[in-house]
Amino acid sequence: MVHGQGFWVGIVPVSILLGPVWRALNPLRALTSGVARLSGDQEHSYSRSLPKGLGYWPAAAVLGVFVWMELVYDRADEPATVLVFLAIYGVVQLLAAQRYGPKWYERGDGFEVYSTLVARLSPFGRRSDGRLVVRSPLDGLAGLTPAPGLLAVICVLLGSTAFDGVTRTQYWQDLTTAQPAVANLLGTARQD
């Protein structure tokens, strides 16, 4: 998923500068809103509440699958792989949004959760009266409400970045060349 790298890396600076952009750009969220308008249920009155223990676990799972495909899976660059991932991801997200309404995306869409989490590091913020201010980049994190699975999301983000960095070192290259079984076990035997 070479093209996924541009999205994955690009979402960080854009979210820091402009806020949680994936929330505004998410085509699945737009489709969910469009279906609600057409059905006459713009308030999503038929939506159920999210289960209390669900938290951010679905987002952690989405991000985990995405980074595994991006960093480990040896057929990630094949169009069929990308198509299958996007189709499964889209169907699951749309079905969950059908059941729980658009609030699903705030907890269940890994990319929206990622964009929103990174946007909290922005040096720009809004006061309670709506006025735009410059702030310490960590101030936004103070307003983050912990929920089940949030730590898993953070671990996936940090762990995938660390794994990506380590696999590019000479030490890793030497280890996987000398130990093909290790490379095969970790799924990193492919040549980039």
N, C-alpha and C. Protein backbone atom coordinates (compact mmCIF):
# COMPACT_ATOMS: atom_id res chain seq x y z
N MET A 1 0.84 -1.18 0.00
CA MET A 1 0.00 0.00 0.00
C MET A 1 0.88 1.24 0.00
N VAL A 2 1.70 1.37 -1.00
CA VAL A 2 2.63 2.48 -1.10
C VAL A 2 1.89 3.82 -1.07
N HIS A 3 0.74 3.90 -1.73
CA HIS A 3 -0.01 5.15 -1.75
C HIS A 3 -0.58 5.47 -0.37
N GLY A 4 -0.78 4.46 0.44
CA GLY A 4 -1.27 4.67 1.79
C GLY A 4 -0.27 5.43 2.65
N GLN A 5 1.03 5.32 2.31
CA GLN A 5 2.05 6.03 3.08
C GLN A 5 1.86 7.53 2.99
N GLY A 6 1.52 8.04 1.81
CA GLY A 6 1.29 9.48 1.66
C GLY A 6 0.12 9.95 2.50
N PHE A 7 -0.94 9.17 2.49
CA PHE A 7 -2.12 9.48 3.31
C PHE A 7 -1.76 9.42 4.78
N TRP A 8 -1.11 8.33 5.17
CA TRP A 8 -0.76 8.06 6.56
C TRP A 8 0.14 9.15 7.12
N VAL A 9 1.15 9.53 6.37
CA VAL A 9 2.09 10.55 6.83
C VAL A 9 1.50 11.95 6.67
N GLY A 10 0.78 12.18 5.59
CA GLY A 10 0.23 13.51 5.31
C GLY A 10 -0.85 13.94 6.27
N ILE A 11 -1.56 13.00 6.84
CA ILE A 11 -2.65 13.35 7.74
C ILE A 11 -2.12 14.04 9.01
N VAL A 12 -0.87 13.80 9.37
CA VAL A 12 -0.31 14.40 10.58
C VAL A 12 -0.16 15.92 10.45
N PRO A 13 0.62 16.42 9.49
CA PRO A 13 0.76 17.89 9.43
C PRO A 13 -0.54 18.61 9.10
N VAL A 14 -1.36 17.99 8.25
CA VAL A 14 -2.62 18.63 7.89
C VAL A 14 -3.54 18.71 9.11
N SER A 15 -3.61 17.66 9.90
CA SER A 15 -4.45 17.67 11.10
C SER A 15 -3.92 18.63 12.15
N ILE A 16 -2.60 18.73 12.28
CA ILE A 16 -2.03 19.66 13.25
C ILE A 16 -2.33 21.10 12.86
N LEU A 17 -2.27 21.39 11.56
CA LEU A 17 -2.53 22.76 11.11
C LEU A 17 -4.01 23.11 11.01
N LEU A 18 -4.81 22.16 10.54
CA LEU A 18 -6.21 22.47 10.23
C LEU A 18 -7.24 21.81 11.14
N GLY A 19 -6.79 20.96 12.05
CA GLY A 19 -7.73 20.26 12.92
C GLY A 19 -8.03 18.88 12.37
N PRO A 20 -9.06 18.24 12.92
CA PRO A 20 -9.38 16.86 12.53
C PRO A 20 -9.98 16.79 11.12
N VAL A 21 -9.12 16.88 10.11
CA VAL A 21 -9.56 16.99 8.73
C VAL A 21 -10.30 15.75 8.23
N TRP A 22 -9.95 14.58 8.75
CA TRP A 22 -10.61 13.38 8.23
C TRP A 22 -12.09 13.38 8.56
N ARG A 23 -12.46 14.03 9.64
CA ARG A 23 -13.88 14.15 9.98
C ARG A 23 -14.62 14.90 8.87
N ALA A 24 -14.01 15.93 8.33
CA ALA A 24 -14.64 16.73 7.27
C ALA A 24 -14.54 16.05 5.91
N LEU A 25 -13.47 15.28 5.67
CA LEU A 25 -13.24 14.70 4.35
C LEU A 25 -13.71 13.26 4.21
N ASN A 26 -14.08 12.62 5.29
CA ASN A 26 -14.44 11.20 5.28
C ASN A 26 -15.63 10.95 4.36
N PRO A 27 -15.42 10.25 3.24
CA PRO A 27 -16.53 10.00 2.31
C PRO A 27 -17.60 9.10 2.91
N LEU A 28 -17.22 8.23 3.83
CA LEU A 28 -18.21 7.35 4.46
C LEU A 28 -19.13 8.14 5.39
N ARG A 29 -18.59 9.11 6.08
CA ARG A 29 -19.41 9.98 6.94
C ARG A 29 -20.38 10.78 6.06
N ALA A 30 -19.89 11.27 4.93
CA ALA A 30 -20.76 12.02 4.01
C ALA A 30 -21.86 11.12 3.47
N LEU A 31 -21.53 9.90 3.12
CA LEU A 31 -22.53 8.95 2.62
C LEU A 31 -23.57 8.64 3.69
N THR A 32 -23.12 8.46 4.92
CA THR A 32 -24.04 8.21 6.03
C THR A 32 -25.01 9.39 6.20
N SER A 33 -24.49 10.61 6.14
CA SER A 33 -25.35 11.80 6.26
C SER A 33 -26.31 11.90 5.08
N GLY A 34 -25.82 11.58 3.89
CA GLY A 34 -26.69 11.62 2.71
C GLY A 34 -27.83 10.62 2.78
N VAL A 35 -27.54 9.41 3.22
CA VAL A 35 -28.58 8.38 3.38
C VAL A 35 -29.60 8.83 4.43
N ALA A 36 -29.11 9.44 5.52
CA ALA A 36 -30.01 9.91 6.57
C ALA A 36 -30.93 11.01 6.04
N ARG A 37 -30.40 11.90 5.22
CA ARG A 37 -31.24 12.96 4.62
C ARG A 37 -32.30 12.37 3.71
N LEU A 38 -31.86 11.43 2.86
CA LEU A 38 -32.81 10.82 1.92
C LEU A 38 -33.89 10.02 2.63
N SER A 39 -33.55 9.42 3.75
CA SER A 39 -34.53 8.62 4.49
C SER A 39 -35.39 9.47 5.42
N GLY A 40 -35.09 10.75 5.52
CA GLY A 40 -35.86 11.63 6.38
C GLY A 40 -35.50 11.53 7.85
N ASP A 41 -34.37 10.91 8.16
CA ASP A 41 -33.95 10.75 9.56
C ASP A 41 -32.64 11.49 9.79
N GLN A 42 -32.65 12.80 9.56
CA GLN A 42 -31.43 13.58 9.70
C GLN A 42 -30.93 13.63 11.14
N GLU A 43 -31.79 13.40 12.08
CA GLU A 43 -31.41 13.41 13.49
C GLU A 43 -30.91 12.04 13.95
N HIS A 44 -30.95 11.06 13.06
CA HIS A 44 -30.50 9.69 13.37
C HIS A 44 -31.23 9.16 14.61
N SER A 45 -32.53 9.40 14.62
CA SER A 45 -33.34 9.00 15.79
C SER A 45 -33.43 7.48 15.95
N TYR A 46 -33.15 6.74 14.90
CA TYR A 46 -33.20 5.28 14.99
C TYR A 46 -31.87 4.68 15.41
N SER A 47 -30.87 5.52 15.59
CA SER A 47 -29.54 5.04 15.98
C SER A 47 -29.55 4.56 17.42
N ARG A 48 -28.74 3.58 17.68
CA ARG A 48 -28.56 3.07 19.04
C ARG A 48 -27.35 3.75 19.67
N SER A 49 -27.31 3.69 20.98
CA SER A 49 -26.14 4.21 21.69
C SER A 49 -24.99 3.22 21.52
N LEU A 50 -23.79 3.77 21.48
CA LEU A 50 -22.61 2.91 21.42
C LEU A 50 -22.49 2.13 22.72
N PRO A 51 -22.13 0.85 22.66
CA PRO A 51 -21.92 0.09 23.90
C PRO A 51 -20.85 0.75 24.77
N LYS A 52 -21.08 0.80 26.07
CA LYS A 52 -20.17 1.50 26.99
C LYS A 52 -18.72 1.02 26.90
N GLY A 53 -18.50 -0.25 26.86
CA GLY A 53 -17.14 -0.78 26.87
C GLY A 53 -16.45 -0.76 25.51
N LEU A 54 -17.16 -0.33 24.46
CA LEU A 54 -16.61 -0.35 23.11
C LEU A 54 -15.44 0.61 22.98
N GLY A 55 -15.62 1.82 23.45
CA GLY A 55 -14.56 2.82 23.41
C GLY A 55 -13.92 2.95 22.05
N TYR A 56 -12.60 2.96 22.06
CA TYR A 56 -11.82 3.13 20.83
C TYR A 56 -11.29 1.80 20.27
N TRP A 57 -11.77 0.69 20.79
CA TRP A 57 -11.26 -0.61 20.33
C TRP A 57 -11.44 -0.83 18.83
N PRO A 58 -12.59 -0.46 18.23
CA PRO A 58 -12.70 -0.66 16.77
C PRO A 58 -11.67 0.18 16.00
N ALA A 59 -11.41 1.39 16.46
CA ALA A 59 -10.41 2.24 15.79
C ALA A 59 -9.03 1.61 15.90
N ALA A 60 -8.71 1.07 17.08
CA ALA A 60 -7.42 0.41 17.26
C ALA A 60 -7.28 -0.77 16.30
N ALA A 61 -8.37 -1.52 16.13
CA ALA A 61 -8.34 -2.67 15.22
C ALA A 61 -8.13 -2.23 13.78
N VAL A 62 -8.87 -1.19 13.35
CA VAL A 62 -8.72 -0.68 11.97
C VAL A 62 -7.29 -0.22 11.73
N LEU A 63 -6.76 0.56 12.65
CA LEU A 63 -5.39 1.06 12.50
C LEU A 63 -4.38 -0.08 12.53
N GLY A 64 -4.61 -1.06 13.39
CA GLY A 64 -3.71 -2.21 13.45
C GLY A 64 -3.66 -2.98 12.15
N VAL A 65 -4.82 -3.23 11.56
CA VAL A 65 -4.87 -3.93 10.27
C VAL A 65 -4.20 -3.09 9.19
N PHE A 66 -4.48 -1.78 9.18
CA PHE A 66 -3.90 -0.90 8.17
C PHE A 66 -2.37 -0.89 8.25
N VAL A 67 -1.82 -0.70 9.45
CA VAL A 67 -0.36 -0.64 9.55
C VAL A 67 0.28 -1.99 9.31
N TRP A 68 -0.40 -3.08 9.68
CA TRP A 68 0.13 -4.40 9.36
C TRP A 68 0.24 -4.56 7.84
N MET A 69 -0.82 -4.16 7.13
CA MET A 69 -0.77 -4.26 5.67
C MET A 69 0.31 -3.34 5.11
N GLU A 70 0.40 -2.15 5.65
CA GLU A 70 1.35 -1.15 5.16
C GLU A 70 2.80 -1.57 5.39
N LEU A 71 3.08 -2.15 6.55
CA LEU A 71 4.47 -2.40 6.94
C LEU A 71 4.93 -3.85 6.83
N VAL A 72 3.99 -4.79 6.83
CA VAL A 72 4.39 -6.20 6.92
C VAL A 72 3.91 -7.02 5.73
N TYR A 73 2.67 -6.91 5.36
CA TYR A 73 2.08 -7.79 4.35
C TYR A 73 2.80 -7.65 3.01
N ASP A 74 3.25 -8.77 2.46
CA ASP A 74 4.08 -8.72 1.25
C ASP A 74 3.30 -8.46 -0.03
N ARG A 75 1.99 -8.46 0.02
CA ARG A 75 1.20 -8.17 -1.18
C ARG A 75 0.41 -6.87 -1.04
N ALA A 76 0.87 -6.01 -0.18
CA ALA A 76 0.15 -4.77 0.10
C ALA A 76 0.06 -3.85 -1.11
N ASP A 77 1.01 -3.95 -2.04
CA ASP A 77 1.02 -3.08 -3.21
C ASP A 77 0.09 -3.54 -4.32
N GLU A 78 -0.45 -4.73 -4.21
CA GLU A 78 -1.32 -5.25 -5.26
C GLU A 78 -2.68 -4.59 -5.20
N PRO A 79 -3.20 -4.17 -6.36
CA PRO A 79 -4.51 -3.51 -6.39
C PRO A 79 -5.63 -4.33 -5.74
N ALA A 80 -5.59 -5.64 -5.89
CA ALA A 80 -6.63 -6.48 -5.29
C ALA A 80 -6.60 -6.38 -3.76
N THR A 81 -5.41 -6.30 -3.18
CA THR A 81 -5.28 -6.17 -1.74
C THR A 81 -5.89 -4.86 -1.26
N VAL A 82 -5.55 -3.78 -1.94
CA VAL A 82 -6.08 -2.47 -1.59
C VAL A 82 -7.60 -2.46 -1.73
N LEU A 83 -8.09 -3.04 -2.82
CA LEU A 83 -9.53 -3.09 -3.05
C LEU A 83 -10.25 -3.88 -1.96
N VAL A 84 -9.71 -5.03 -1.60
CA VAL A 84 -10.34 -5.85 -0.55
C VAL A 84 -10.34 -5.10 0.78
N PHE A 85 -9.21 -4.49 1.13
CA PHE A 85 -9.15 -3.72 2.38
C PHE A 85 -10.18 -2.60 2.38
N LEU A 86 -10.21 -1.81 1.31
CA LEU A 86 -11.14 -0.68 1.25
C LEU A 86 -12.60 -1.15 1.26
N ALA A 87 -12.88 -2.24 0.58
CA ALA A 87 -14.26 -2.75 0.54
C ALA A 87 -14.70 -3.22 1.92
N ILE A 88 -13.88 -4.00 2.58
CA ILE A 88 -14.23 -4.50 3.92
C ILE A 88 -14.34 -3.33 4.90
N TYR A 89 -13.36 -2.45 4.86
CA TYR A 89 -13.35 -1.28 5.73
C TYR A 89 -14.62 -0.45 5.50
N GLY A 90 -14.95 -0.18 4.25
CA GLY A 90 -16.12 0.64 3.93
C GLY A 90 -17.42 0.00 4.37
N VAL A 91 -17.58 -1.28 4.09
CA VAL A 91 -18.82 -1.97 4.46
C VAL A 91 -18.98 -2.01 5.98
N VAL A 92 -17.92 -2.33 6.69
CA VAL A 92 -17.99 -2.40 8.16
C VAL A 92 -18.33 -1.02 8.73
N GLN A 93 -17.67 0.01 8.23
CA GLN A 93 -17.92 1.36 8.74
C GLN A 93 -19.36 1.81 8.45
N LEU A 94 -19.84 1.54 7.24
CA LEU A 94 -21.20 1.95 6.89
C LEU A 94 -22.26 1.19 7.68
N LEU A 95 -22.05 -0.11 7.88
CA LEU A 95 -23.00 -0.90 8.67
C LEU A 95 -23.02 -0.43 10.13
N ALA A 96 -21.86 -0.15 10.68
CA ALA A 96 -21.80 0.32 12.07
C ALA A 96 -22.44 1.71 12.18
N ALA A 97 -22.21 2.57 11.20
CA ALA A 97 -22.82 3.90 11.21
C ALA A 97 -24.33 3.81 11.03
N GLN A 98 -24.78 2.83 10.28
CA GLN A 98 -26.22 2.61 10.11
C GLN A 98 -26.84 2.27 11.47
N ARG A 99 -26.15 1.48 12.25
CA ARG A 99 -26.67 1.05 13.55
C ARG A 99 -26.51 2.11 14.63
N TYR A 100 -25.35 2.78 14.65
CA TYR A 100 -25.04 3.70 15.75
C TYR A 100 -25.06 5.18 15.35
N GLY A 101 -25.29 5.47 14.08
CA GLY A 101 -25.30 6.86 13.64
C GLY A 101 -23.90 7.39 13.41
N PRO A 102 -23.79 8.66 13.06
CA PRO A 102 -22.48 9.23 12.73
C PRO A 102 -21.52 9.29 13.91
N LYS A 103 -22.03 9.18 15.13
CA LYS A 103 -21.13 9.17 16.29
C LYS A 103 -20.20 7.95 16.27
N TRP A 104 -20.58 6.94 15.47
CA TRP A 104 -19.72 5.76 15.32
C TRP A 104 -18.33 6.15 14.84
N TYR A 105 -18.27 7.07 13.89
CA TYR A 105 -16.98 7.43 13.28
C TYR A 105 -16.00 8.03 14.31
N GLU A 106 -16.54 8.69 15.34
CA GLU A 106 -15.68 9.30 16.36
C GLU A 106 -14.91 8.26 17.17
N ARG A 107 -15.42 7.05 17.22
CA ARG A 107 -14.77 5.99 18.01
C ARG A 107 -14.37 4.79 17.17
N GLY A 108 -15.07 4.55 16.05
CA GLY A 108 -14.86 3.33 15.30
C GLY A 108 -14.04 3.47 14.04
N ASP A 109 -13.92 4.67 13.50
CA ASP A 109 -13.13 4.87 12.28
C ASP A 109 -11.71 5.22 12.70
N GLY A 110 -10.79 4.30 12.48
CA GLY A 110 -9.41 4.50 12.90
C GLY A 110 -8.78 5.76 12.34
N PHE A 111 -9.10 6.11 11.11
CA PHE A 111 -8.48 7.29 10.50
C PHE A 111 -9.04 8.58 11.09
N GLU A 112 -10.33 8.59 11.42
CA GLU A 112 -10.89 9.77 12.07
C GLU A 112 -10.35 9.92 13.49
N VAL A 113 -10.24 8.82 14.19
CA VAL A 113 -9.68 8.86 15.54
C VAL A 113 -8.24 9.34 15.48
N TYR A 114 -7.48 8.83 14.54
CA TYR A 114 -6.07 9.22 14.35
C TYR A 114 -5.98 10.72 14.06
N SER A 115 -6.75 11.20 13.11
CA SER A 115 -6.72 12.60 12.73
C SER A 115 -7.13 13.49 13.91
N THR A 116 -8.15 13.09 14.64
CA THR A 116 -8.63 13.87 15.77
C THR A 116 -7.60 13.89 16.90
N LEU A 117 -6.98 12.75 17.14
CA LEU A 117 -5.96 12.66 18.19
C LEU A 117 -4.75 13.54 17.85
N VAL A 118 -4.29 13.49 16.62
CA VAL A 118 -3.15 14.30 16.19
C VAL A 118 -3.52 15.78 16.22
N ALA A 119 -4.76 16.11 15.85
CA ALA A 119 -5.20 17.52 15.85
C ALA A 119 -5.14 18.12 17.25
N ARG A 120 -5.23 17.29 18.27
CA ARG A 120 -5.14 17.78 19.65
C ARG A 120 -3.74 18.32 19.97
N LEU A 121 -2.76 18.00 19.13
CA LEU A 121 -1.40 18.49 19.31
C LEU A 121 -1.19 19.84 18.63
N SER A 122 -2.21 20.38 18.04
CA SER A 122 -2.10 21.64 17.31
C SER A 122 -1.76 22.80 18.24
N PRO A 123 -0.92 23.70 17.76
CA PRO A 123 -0.64 24.90 18.55
C PRO A 123 -1.79 25.92 18.48
N PHE A 124 -2.82 25.60 17.71
CA PHE A 124 -3.98 26.47 17.59
C PHE A 124 -5.17 25.82 18.27
N GLY A 125 -5.97 26.63 18.89
CA GLY A 125 -7.16 26.11 19.56
C GLY A 125 -8.23 27.17 19.65
N ARG A 126 -9.33 26.80 20.24
CA ARG A 126 -10.44 27.74 20.43
C ARG A 126 -10.77 27.82 21.92
N ARG A 127 -11.02 29.03 22.35
CA ARG A 127 -11.48 29.23 23.73
C ARG A 127 -12.95 28.85 23.79
N SER A 128 -13.50 28.86 24.99
CA SER A 128 -14.91 28.49 25.16
C SER A 128 -15.84 29.46 24.43
N ASP A 129 -15.38 30.70 24.17
CA ASP A 129 -16.21 31.65 23.42
C ASP A 129 -16.03 31.52 21.91
N GLY A 130 -15.20 30.55 21.48
CA GLY A 130 -15.01 30.30 20.05
C GLY A 130 -13.85 31.05 19.43
N ARG A 131 -13.19 31.91 20.17
CA ARG A 131 -12.08 32.70 19.65
C ARG A 131 -10.86 31.82 19.41
N LEU A 132 -10.22 31.98 18.25
CA LEU A 132 -9.01 31.23 17.89
C LEU A 132 -7.83 31.77 18.68
N VAL A 133 -7.04 30.86 19.26
CA VAL A 133 -5.89 31.26 20.07
C VAL A 133 -4.69 30.37 19.73
N VAL A 134 -3.51 30.87 20.05
CA VAL A 134 -2.29 30.08 19.98
C VAL A 134 -2.07 29.53 21.38
N ARG A 135 -1.73 28.24 21.47
CA ARG A 135 -1.61 27.58 22.77
C ARG A 135 -0.42 26.63 22.76
N SER A 136 -0.11 26.11 23.90
CA SER A 136 0.91 25.07 23.98
C SER A 136 0.39 23.85 23.22
N PRO A 137 1.21 23.19 22.42
CA PRO A 137 0.74 22.04 21.65
C PRO A 137 0.18 20.90 22.50
N LEU A 138 0.51 20.85 23.77
CA LEU A 138 0.01 19.77 24.61
C LEU A 138 -1.30 20.13 25.32
N ASP A 139 -1.74 21.38 25.23
CA ASP A 139 -2.99 21.79 25.88
C ASP A 139 -4.19 21.00 25.36
N GLY A 140 -4.20 20.69 24.08
CA GLY A 140 -5.32 19.96 23.50
C GLY A 140 -5.45 18.56 24.06
N LEU A 141 -4.34 17.97 24.44
CA LEU A 141 -4.40 16.61 24.99
C LEU A 141 -5.05 16.59 26.37
N ALA A 142 -4.97 17.70 27.08
CA ALA A 142 -5.56 17.75 28.42
C ALA A 142 -7.07 17.58 28.37
N GLY A 143 -7.69 17.96 27.27
CA GLY A 143 -9.14 17.84 27.13
C GLY A 143 -9.60 16.49 26.62
N LEU A 144 -8.68 15.59 26.39
CA LEU A 144 -9.02 14.26 25.88
C LEU A 144 -9.60 13.40 26.99
N THR A 145 -10.78 12.89 26.76
CA THR A 145 -11.43 12.03 27.75
C THR A 145 -10.99 10.59 27.53
N PRO A 146 -10.35 9.98 28.52
CA PRO A 146 -9.93 8.58 28.36
C PRO A 146 -11.14 7.66 28.18
N ALA A 147 -10.96 6.65 27.37
CA ALA A 147 -12.00 5.65 27.14
C ALA A 147 -11.31 4.33 26.82
N PRO A 148 -12.02 3.22 27.00
CA PRO A 148 -11.41 1.92 26.68
C PRO A 148 -10.88 1.91 25.24
N GLY A 149 -9.70 1.37 25.08
CA GLY A 149 -9.10 1.24 23.76
C GLY A 149 -8.25 2.42 23.32
N LEU A 150 -8.32 3.55 24.03
CA LEU A 150 -7.52 4.71 23.63
C LEU A 150 -6.03 4.40 23.72
N LEU A 151 -5.63 3.73 24.78
CA LEU A 151 -4.23 3.35 24.91
C LEU A 151 -3.81 2.41 23.78
N ALA A 152 -4.71 1.53 23.36
CA ALA A 152 -4.40 0.62 22.24
C ALA A 152 -4.18 1.41 20.96
N VAL A 153 -4.98 2.45 20.72
CA VAL A 153 -4.79 3.29 19.54
C VAL A 153 -3.42 3.94 19.59
N ILE A 154 -3.07 4.51 20.73
CA ILE A 154 -1.77 5.17 20.88
C ILE A 154 -0.63 4.17 20.70
N CYS A 155 -0.78 2.97 21.25
CA CYS A 155 0.25 1.93 21.09
C CYS A 155 0.42 1.52 19.63
N VAL A 156 -0.69 1.40 18.91
CA VAL A 156 -0.60 1.06 17.48
C VAL A 156 0.14 2.16 16.73
N LEU A 157 -0.19 3.41 17.02
CA LEU A 157 0.46 4.52 16.33
C LEU A 157 1.95 4.59 16.64
N LEU A 158 2.29 4.53 17.92
CA LEU A 158 3.70 4.60 18.29
C LEU A 158 4.46 3.34 17.91
N GLY A 159 3.84 2.19 18.11
CA GLY A 159 4.48 0.92 17.78
C GLY A 159 4.75 0.77 16.30
N SER A 160 3.80 1.19 15.48
CA SER A 160 3.99 1.07 14.03
C SER A 160 5.09 2.01 13.55
N THR A 161 5.16 3.20 14.15
CA THR A 161 6.22 4.13 13.78
C THR A 161 7.58 3.58 14.19
N ALA A 162 7.66 3.03 15.39
CA ALA A 162 8.92 2.43 15.85
C ALA A 162 9.31 1.24 14.97
N PHE A 163 8.34 0.37 14.67
CA PHE A 163 8.63 -0.79 13.84
C PHE A 163 9.12 -0.36 12.46
N ASP A 164 8.46 0.63 11.88
CA ASP A 164 8.87 1.13 10.56
C ASP A 164 10.30 1.66 10.61
N GLY A 165 10.63 2.38 11.67
CA GLY A 165 11.98 2.92 11.80
C GLY A 165 13.02 1.83 12.00
N VAL A 166 12.72 0.86 12.84
CA VAL A 166 13.68 -0.22 13.13
C VAL A 166 13.94 -1.06 11.88
N THR A 167 12.89 -1.34 11.10
CA THR A 167 13.08 -2.20 9.93
C THR A 167 13.91 -1.54 8.84
N ARG A 168 14.17 -0.27 8.97
CA ARG A 168 15.00 0.43 7.98
C ARG A 168 16.46 0.53 8.41
N THR A 169 16.79 0.01 9.57
CA THR A 169 18.17 0.09 10.06
C THR A 169 19.02 -1.04 9.49
N GLN A 170 20.31 -0.82 9.49
CA GLN A 170 21.24 -1.85 9.02
C GLN A 170 21.20 -3.06 9.94
N TYR A 171 21.04 -2.83 11.24
CA TYR A 171 20.94 -3.94 12.19
C TYR A 171 19.80 -4.87 11.79
N TRP A 172 18.65 -4.31 11.50
CA TRP A 172 17.48 -5.12 11.12
C TRP A 172 17.75 -5.87 9.81
N GLN A 173 18.35 -5.18 8.85
CA GLN A 173 18.66 -5.80 7.57
C GLN A 173 19.61 -6.98 7.77
N ASP A 174 20.61 -6.78 8.61
CA ASP A 174 21.55 -7.87 8.89
C ASP A 174 20.85 -9.02 9.61
N LEU A 175 20.00 -8.70 10.57
CA LEU A 175 19.30 -9.73 11.33
C LEU A 175 18.38 -10.56 10.43
N THR A 176 17.64 -9.91 9.57
CA THR A 176 16.70 -10.65 8.73
C THR A 176 17.38 -11.36 7.57
N THR A 177 18.54 -10.88 7.17
CA THR A 177 19.30 -11.58 6.13
C THR A 177 19.96 -12.82 6.72
N ALA A 178 20.52 -12.68 7.91
CA ALA A 178 21.20 -13.80 8.57
C ALA A 178 20.21 -14.81 9.15
N GLN A 179 19.03 -14.36 9.47
CA GLN A 179 18.02 -15.20 10.12
C GLN A 179 16.73 -15.19 9.29
N PRO A 180 16.69 -15.89 8.15
CA PRO A 180 15.48 -15.88 7.32
C PRO A 180 14.22 -16.32 8.06
N ALA A 181 14.38 -17.20 9.04
CA ALA A 181 13.21 -17.65 9.81
C ALA A 181 12.59 -16.48 10.57
N VAL A 182 13.44 -15.58 11.10
CA VAL A 182 12.94 -14.40 11.81
C VAL A 182 12.19 -13.50 10.84
N ALA A 183 12.77 -13.30 9.67
CA ALA A 183 12.12 -12.45 8.67
C ALA A 183 10.78 -13.02 8.24
N ASN A 184 10.74 -14.32 8.02
CA ASN A 184 9.48 -14.95 7.61
C ASN A 184 8.44 -14.89 8.72
N LEU A 185 8.89 -15.11 9.95
CA LEU A 185 7.97 -15.06 11.09
C LEU A 185 7.35 -13.67 11.22
N LEU A 186 8.14 -12.65 11.07
CA LEU A 186 7.64 -11.27 11.21
C LEU A 186 7.03 -10.74 9.92
N GLY A 187 7.15 -11.49 8.84
CA GLY A 187 6.54 -11.06 7.58
C GLY A 187 7.30 -9.95 6.91
N THR A 188 8.56 -9.82 7.18
CA THR A 188 9.33 -8.71 6.62
C THR A 188 10.37 -9.20 5.61
N ALA A 189 10.15 -10.33 5.01
CA ALA A 189 11.13 -10.89 4.10
C ALA A 189 11.12 -10.20 2.75
N ARG A 190 10.13 -9.39 2.47
CA ARG A 190 10.04 -8.75 1.15
C ARG A 190 11.09 -7.66 1.00
N GLN A 191 11.46 -7.37 -0.19
CA GLN A 191 12.40 -6.31 -0.51
C GLN A 191 11.62 -5.08 -0.93
N ASP A 192 11.90 -3.92 -0.35
CA ASP A 192 11.18 -2.67 -0.71
C ASP A 192 11.77 -2.06 -1.94
